[in-house]
């Protein structure tokens, strides 16, 4: 996968990006946070893999 595509996907799939879009759709802060936490745990972390440090 090209670097440019990976960066675009990483941005779009970022939990903070998702949280902001959910808030834009009118969800409460608590509900958006709850959904984002689950999304991060189940979808985002497995897709992005371990963070290199």
N, C-alpha and C. Protein backbone atom coordinates (compact mmCIF):
# COMPACT_ATOMS: atom_id res chain seq x y z
N UNK A 1 0.85 -1.17 0.00
CA UNK A 1 0.00 0.00 0.00
C UNK A 1 0.90 1.23 0.00
N UNK A 2 0.54 2.21 -0.81
CA UNK A 2 1.37 3.39 -0.88
C UNK A 2 1.26 4.20 0.41
N UNK A 3 2.28 4.95 0.67
CA UNK A 3 2.33 5.76 1.89
C UNK A 3 1.17 6.76 1.94
N UNK A 4 0.87 7.35 0.82
CA UNK A 4 -0.19 8.36 0.75
C UNK A 4 -1.56 7.76 1.07
N UNK A 5 -1.83 6.60 0.53
CA UNK A 5 -3.11 5.92 0.80
C UNK A 5 -3.18 5.52 2.27
N UNK A 6 -2.09 5.00 2.79
CA UNK A 6 -2.05 4.59 4.19
C UNK A 6 -2.30 5.78 5.12
N UNK A 7 -1.68 6.92 4.83
CA UNK A 7 -1.89 8.11 5.65
C UNK A 7 -3.34 8.59 5.59
N UNK A 8 -3.94 8.55 4.42
CA UNK A 8 -5.34 8.96 4.27
C UNK A 8 -6.26 8.03 5.05
N UNK A 9 -6.02 6.74 4.95
CA UNK A 9 -6.84 5.77 5.68
C UNK A 9 -6.64 5.91 7.19
N UNK A 10 -5.41 6.10 7.60
CA UNK A 10 -5.13 6.25 9.02
C UNK A 10 -5.87 7.46 9.57
N UNK A 11 -5.90 8.54 8.82
CA UNK A 11 -6.62 9.73 9.26
C UNK A 11 -8.12 9.48 9.33
N UNK A 12 -8.67 8.93 8.27
CA UNK A 12 -10.12 8.71 8.21
C UNK A 12 -10.60 7.69 9.24
N UNK A 13 -9.77 6.73 9.55
CA UNK A 13 -10.16 5.68 10.49
C UNK A 13 -9.79 6.02 11.93
N UNK A 14 -9.12 7.16 12.14
CA UNK A 14 -8.70 7.57 13.47
C UNK A 14 -9.90 7.74 14.39
N UNK A 15 -9.84 7.20 15.60
CA UNK A 15 -10.96 7.31 16.53
C UNK A 15 -11.37 8.75 16.83
N UNK A 16 -10.43 9.67 16.90
CA UNK A 16 -10.79 11.07 17.15
C UNK A 16 -11.58 11.64 15.97
N UNK A 17 -11.18 11.28 14.76
CA UNK A 17 -11.90 11.72 13.57
C UNK A 17 -13.34 11.18 13.61
N UNK A 18 -13.48 9.92 13.98
CA UNK A 18 -14.80 9.31 14.08
C UNK A 18 -15.63 10.02 15.14
N UNK A 19 -15.04 10.28 16.30
CA UNK A 19 -15.74 10.98 17.38
C UNK A 19 -16.27 12.33 16.89
N UNK A 20 -15.45 13.08 16.21
CA UNK A 20 -15.87 14.40 15.70
C UNK A 20 -17.01 14.27 14.70
N UNK A 21 -16.96 13.26 13.83
CA UNK A 21 -18.05 13.09 12.86
C UNK A 21 -19.34 12.68 13.56
N UNK A 22 -19.24 11.84 14.60
CA UNK A 22 -20.43 11.46 15.36
C UNK A 22 -21.05 12.67 16.05
N UNK A 23 -20.20 13.54 16.60
CA UNK A 23 -20.69 14.76 17.24
C UNK A 23 -21.34 15.67 16.21
N UNK A 24 -20.75 15.76 15.01
CA UNK A 24 -21.33 16.56 13.93
C UNK A 24 -22.71 16.05 13.55
N UNK A 25 -22.92 14.73 13.69
CA UNK A 25 -24.22 14.14 13.36
C UNK A 25 -25.25 14.35 14.48
N UNK A 26 -24.82 14.92 15.60
CA UNK A 26 -25.75 15.25 16.66
C UNK A 26 -25.77 14.30 17.85
N UNK A 27 -24.86 13.34 17.88
CA UNK A 27 -24.82 12.43 19.03
C UNK A 27 -24.27 13.16 20.25
N UNK A 28 -24.74 12.75 21.43
CA UNK A 28 -24.22 13.35 22.65
C UNK A 28 -22.75 12.99 22.81
N UNK A 29 -22.06 13.78 23.60
CA UNK A 29 -20.65 13.54 23.84
C UNK A 29 -20.42 12.16 24.46
N UNK A 30 -21.26 11.81 25.44
CA UNK A 30 -21.10 10.52 26.13
C UNK A 30 -21.32 9.34 25.17
N UNK A 31 -22.34 9.42 24.33
CA UNK A 31 -22.61 8.33 23.39
C UNK A 31 -21.51 8.23 22.34
N UNK A 32 -21.09 9.37 21.80
CA UNK A 32 -20.03 9.37 20.79
C UNK A 32 -18.74 8.79 21.39
N UNK A 33 -18.43 9.16 22.62
CA UNK A 33 -17.23 8.65 23.29
C UNK A 33 -17.31 7.14 23.49
N UNK A 34 -18.48 6.67 23.91
CA UNK A 34 -18.67 5.25 24.15
C UNK A 34 -18.52 4.45 22.85
N UNK A 35 -19.14 4.91 21.79
CA UNK A 35 -19.03 4.23 20.50
C UNK A 35 -17.59 4.25 19.99
N UNK A 36 -16.92 5.38 20.17
CA UNK A 36 -15.54 5.52 19.69
C UNK A 36 -14.60 4.60 20.45
N UNK A 37 -14.81 4.45 21.76
CA UNK A 37 -13.96 3.55 22.54
C UNK A 37 -14.09 2.11 22.05
N UNK A 38 -15.32 1.67 21.81
CA UNK A 38 -15.54 0.33 21.29
C UNK A 38 -14.93 0.15 19.91
N UNK A 39 -15.11 1.15 19.05
CA UNK A 39 -14.55 1.12 17.70
C UNK A 39 -13.02 1.01 17.75
N UNK A 40 -12.42 1.81 18.64
CA UNK A 40 -10.96 1.78 18.75
C UNK A 40 -10.46 0.40 19.17
N UNK A 41 -11.14 -0.19 20.13
CA UNK A 41 -10.72 -1.50 20.66
C UNK A 41 -10.93 -2.62 19.64
N UNK A 42 -12.07 -2.61 18.96
CA UNK A 42 -12.44 -3.73 18.10
C UNK A 42 -11.93 -3.58 16.66
N UNK A 43 -11.89 -2.35 16.14
CA UNK A 43 -11.55 -2.15 14.73
C UNK A 43 -10.19 -1.48 14.54
N UNK A 44 -10.00 -0.32 15.15
CA UNK A 44 -8.82 0.49 14.85
C UNK A 44 -7.50 -0.15 15.27
N UNK A 45 -7.41 -0.59 16.51
CA UNK A 45 -6.15 -1.18 16.99
C UNK A 45 -5.75 -2.44 16.21
N UNK A 46 -6.69 -3.37 15.96
CA UNK A 46 -6.30 -4.54 15.16
C UNK A 46 -5.85 -4.16 13.73
N UNK A 47 -6.45 -3.13 13.14
CA UNK A 47 -6.07 -2.73 11.79
C UNK A 47 -4.71 -2.06 11.75
N UNK A 48 -4.42 -1.23 12.74
CA UNK A 48 -3.17 -0.48 12.72
C UNK A 48 -2.01 -1.23 13.31
N UNK A 49 -2.30 -2.26 14.09
CA UNK A 49 -1.22 -3.05 14.68
C UNK A 49 -0.55 -2.34 15.82
N UNK A 50 0.46 -2.96 16.38
CA UNK A 50 1.14 -2.35 17.52
C UNK A 50 1.88 -1.08 17.12
N UNK A 51 1.95 -0.16 18.04
CA UNK A 51 2.66 1.10 17.80
C UNK A 51 4.15 0.86 17.98
N UNK A 52 4.91 1.25 16.95
CA UNK A 52 6.37 1.09 17.03
C UNK A 52 6.93 2.17 17.94
N UNK A 53 7.83 1.80 18.80
CA UNK A 53 8.37 2.81 19.71
C UNK A 53 9.76 2.69 19.94
